[in-house]
Amino acid sequence: MNTTRLREIVDFLISKEAEDQIQQLLTDLYNALTNLVSSPTDASFQQSYTSAMDSLSNALRRLEEDIQPAQKKQLQEINALKYFLIGPGKRN
């Protein structure tokens, strides 16, 4: 892989992360989990965790769906495809 192709895939991933706000969703999940651990029987914390997990899962699914076959090959070339496939059995 040359630097131009590497730059293309990195730019694509950065734009998708920004579009779906994956970093913020991870932070939201962390905060919801922290609250849930501190008070596991609180129904509002349970709901917040479930909502945060669903939001992150949906964003990651959209990312996976948006990765084109050529981009999957590029990710595979740099041994990074496993980090972007979330379905069962896809990480092997």
C-alpha atoms as a PDB file:
ATOM      1  CA  MET A   1       0.000   0.000   0.000  1.00  0.00           C
ATOM      2  CA  ASN A   2       1.343   3.394  -0.908  1.00  0.00           C
ATOM      3  CA  THR A   3       0.957   6.555   1.144  1.00  0.00           C
ATOM      4  CA  THR A   4      -1.806   7.928  -1.078  1.00  0.00           C
ATOM      5  CA  ARG A   5      -4.001   4.881  -0.549  1.00  0.00           C
ATOM      6  CA  LEU A   6      -3.217   4.863   3.161  1.00  0.00           C
ATOM      7  CA  ARG A   7      -4.189   8.524   3.388  1.00  0.00           C
ATOM      8  CA  GLU A   8      -7.475   7.818   1.570  1.00  0.00           C
ATOM      9  CA  ILE A   9      -8.534   5.095   3.992  1.00  0.00           C
ATOM     10  CA  VAL A  10      -7.466   7.120   7.027  1.00  0.00           C
ATOM     11  CA  ASP A  11      -9.373  10.171   5.764  1.00  0.00           C
ATOM     12  CA  PHE A  12     -12.447   8.004   5.181  1.00  0.00           C
ATOM     13  CA  LEU A  13     -12.293   6.572   8.708  1.00  0.00           C
ATOM     14  CA  ILE A  14     -11.771   9.990  10.281  1.00  0.00           C
ATOM     15  CA  SER A  15     -14.740  11.413   8.400  1.00  0.00           C
ATOM     16  CA  LYS A  16     -16.958   8.481   9.415  1.00  0.00           C
ATOM     17  CA  GLU A  17     -15.876   8.837  13.048  1.00  0.00           C
ATOM     18  CA  ALA A  18     -16.757  12.524  12.977  1.00  0.00           C
ATOM     19  CA  GLU A  19     -20.045  11.919  11.171  1.00  0.00           C
ATOM     20  CA  ASP A  20     -21.208   9.257  13.612  1.00  0.00           C
ATOM     21  CA  GLN A  21     -19.503  10.848  16.655  1.00  0.00           C
ATOM     22  CA  ILE A  22     -18.065   7.523  17.740  1.00  0.00           C
ATOM     23  CA  GLN A  23     -15.674   9.129  20.242  1.00  0.00           C
ATOM     24  CA  GLN A  24     -18.591  10.877  21.958  1.00  0.00           C
ATOM     25  CA  LEU A  25     -20.610   7.664  21.954  1.00  0.00           C
ATOM     26  CA  LEU A  26     -17.712   5.851  23.618  1.00  0.00           C
ATOM     27  CA  THR A  27     -17.524   8.583  26.255  1.00  0.00           C
ATOM     28  CA  ASP A  28     -21.280   8.360  26.815  1.00  0.00           C
ATOM     29  CA  LEU A  29     -21.028   4.590  27.225  1.00  0.00           C
ATOM     30  CA  TYR A  30     -18.147   4.966  29.681  1.00  0.00           C
ATOM     31  CA  ASN A  31     -20.132   7.468  31.751  1.00  0.00           C
ATOM     32  CA  ALA A  32     -23.261   5.321  31.705  1.00  0.00           C
ATOM     33  CA  LEU A  33     -21.282   2.259  32.760  1.00  0.00           C
ATOM     34  CA  THR A  34     -19.562   4.181  35.545  1.00  0.00           C
ATOM     35  CA  ASN A  35     -22.949   5.303  36.868  1.00  0.00           C
ATOM     36  CA  LEU A  36     -24.356   1.797  36.592  1.00  0.00           C
ATOM     37  CA  VAL A  37     -21.429   0.304  38.499  1.00  0.00           C
ATOM     38  CA  SER A  38     -21.881   2.842  41.286  1.00  0.00           C
ATOM     39  CA  SER A  39     -25.592   2.096  41.574  1.00  0.00           C
ATOM     40  CA  PRO A  40     -26.545  -1.105  39.740  1.00  0.00           C
ATOM     41  CA  THR A  41     -30.179  -1.163  40.903  1.00  0.00           C
ATOM     42  CA  ASP A  42     -30.991   2.362  39.685  1.00  0.00           C
ATOM     43  CA  ALA A  43     -33.392   1.935  36.766  1.00  0.00           C
ATOM     44  CA  SER A  44     -32.418   5.254  35.165  1.00  0.00           C
ATOM     45  CA  PHE A  45     -28.748   4.209  35.109  1.00  0.00           C
ATOM     46  CA  GLN A  46     -29.724   0.863  33.602  1.00  0.00           C
ATOM     47  CA  GLN A  47     -31.713   2.645  30.898  1.00  0.00           C
ATOM     48  CA  SER A  48     -28.874   5.108  30.222  1.00  0.00           C
ATOM     49  CA  TYR A  49     -26.426   2.239  29.796  1.00  0.00           C
ATOM     50  CA  THR A  50     -28.765   0.378  27.437  1.00  0.00           C
ATOM     51  CA  SER A  51     -29.357   3.509  25.400  1.00  0.00           C
ATOM     52  CA  ALA A  52     -25.634   4.329  25.193  1.00  0.00           C
ATOM     53  CA  MET A  53     -24.796   0.771  24.163  1.00  0.00           C
ATOM     54  CA  ASP A  54     -27.501   0.769  21.484  1.00  0.00           C
ATOM     55  CA  SER A  55     -26.310   4.111  20.096  1.00  0.00           C
ATOM     56  CA  LEU A  56     -22.712   2.923  19.873  1.00  0.00           C
ATOM     57  CA  SER A  57     -23.721  -0.408  18.317  1.00  0.00           C
ATOM     58  CA  ASN A  58     -25.815   1.367  15.685  1.00  0.00           C
ATOM     59  CA  ALA A  59     -22.983   3.762  14.817  1.00  0.00           C
ATOM     60  CA  LEU A  60     -20.494   0.904  14.481  1.00  0.00           C
ATOM     61  CA  ARG A  61     -22.932  -1.033  12.323  1.00  0.00           C
ATOM     62  CA  ARG A  62     -23.349   1.995  10.039  1.00  0.00           C
ATOM     63  CA  LEU A  63     -19.571   2.302   9.796  1.00  0.00           C
ATOM     64  CA  GLU A  64     -19.227  -1.352   8.876  1.00  0.00           C
ATOM     65  CA  GLU A  65     -21.967  -1.048   6.250  1.00  0.00           C
ATOM     66  CA  ASP A  66     -20.288   2.017   4.722  1.00  0.00           C
ATOM     67  CA  ILE A  67     -16.928   0.319   4.250  1.00  0.00           C
ATOM     68  CA  GLN A  68     -16.754  -0.664   0.584  1.00  0.00           C
ATOM     69  CA  PRO A  69     -15.094  -3.922  -0.569  1.00  0.00           C
ATOM     70  CA  ALA A  70     -12.039  -2.035  -1.874  1.00  0.00           C
ATOM     71  CA  GLN A  71     -11.694  -0.286   1.469  1.00  0.00           C
ATOM     72  CA  LYS A  72     -11.962  -3.620   3.271  1.00  0.00           C
ATOM     73  CA  LYS A  73      -9.012  -4.839   1.205  1.00  0.00           C
ATOM     74  CA  GLN A  74      -7.053  -1.724   2.159  1.00  0.00           C
ATOM     75  CA  LEU A  75      -7.832  -2.273   5.835  1.00  0.00           C
ATOM     76  CA  GLN A  76      -6.830  -5.902   5.466  1.00  0.00           C
ATOM     77  CA  GLU A  77      -3.502  -4.856   3.906  1.00  0.00           C
ATOM     78  CA  ILE A  78      -2.623  -2.867   7.015  1.00  0.00           C
ATOM     79  CA  ASN A  79      -3.992  -5.602   9.302  1.00  0.00           C
ATOM     80  CA  ALA A  80      -6.760  -3.330  10.622  1.00  0.00           C
ATOM     81  CA  LEU A  81      -9.919  -4.908   9.203  1.00  0.00           C
ATOM     82  CA  LYS A  82     -10.565  -6.799  12.447  1.00  0.00           C
ATOM     83  CA  TYR A  83     -11.104  -3.485  14.239  1.00  0.00           C
ATOM     84  CA  PHE A  84     -13.964  -2.446  11.977  1.00  0.00           C
ATOM     85  CA  LEU A  85     -16.071  -5.596  11.726  1.00  0.00           C
ATOM     86  CA  ILE A  86     -18.508  -6.014  14.573  1.00  0.00           C
ATOM     87  CA  GLY A  87     -20.730  -8.895  13.544  1.00  0.00           C
ATOM     88  CA  PRO A  88     -20.460 -12.381  15.075  1.00  0.00           C
ATOM     89  CA  GLY A  89     -17.513 -14.343  13.748  1.00  0.00           C
ATOM     90  CA  LYS A  90     -16.178 -11.454  11.659  1.00  0.00           C
ATOM     91  CA  ARG A  91     -13.153 -10.701  13.811  1.00  0.00           C
ATOM     92  CA  ASN A  92     -11.251 -13.856  12.927  1.00  0.00           C
END
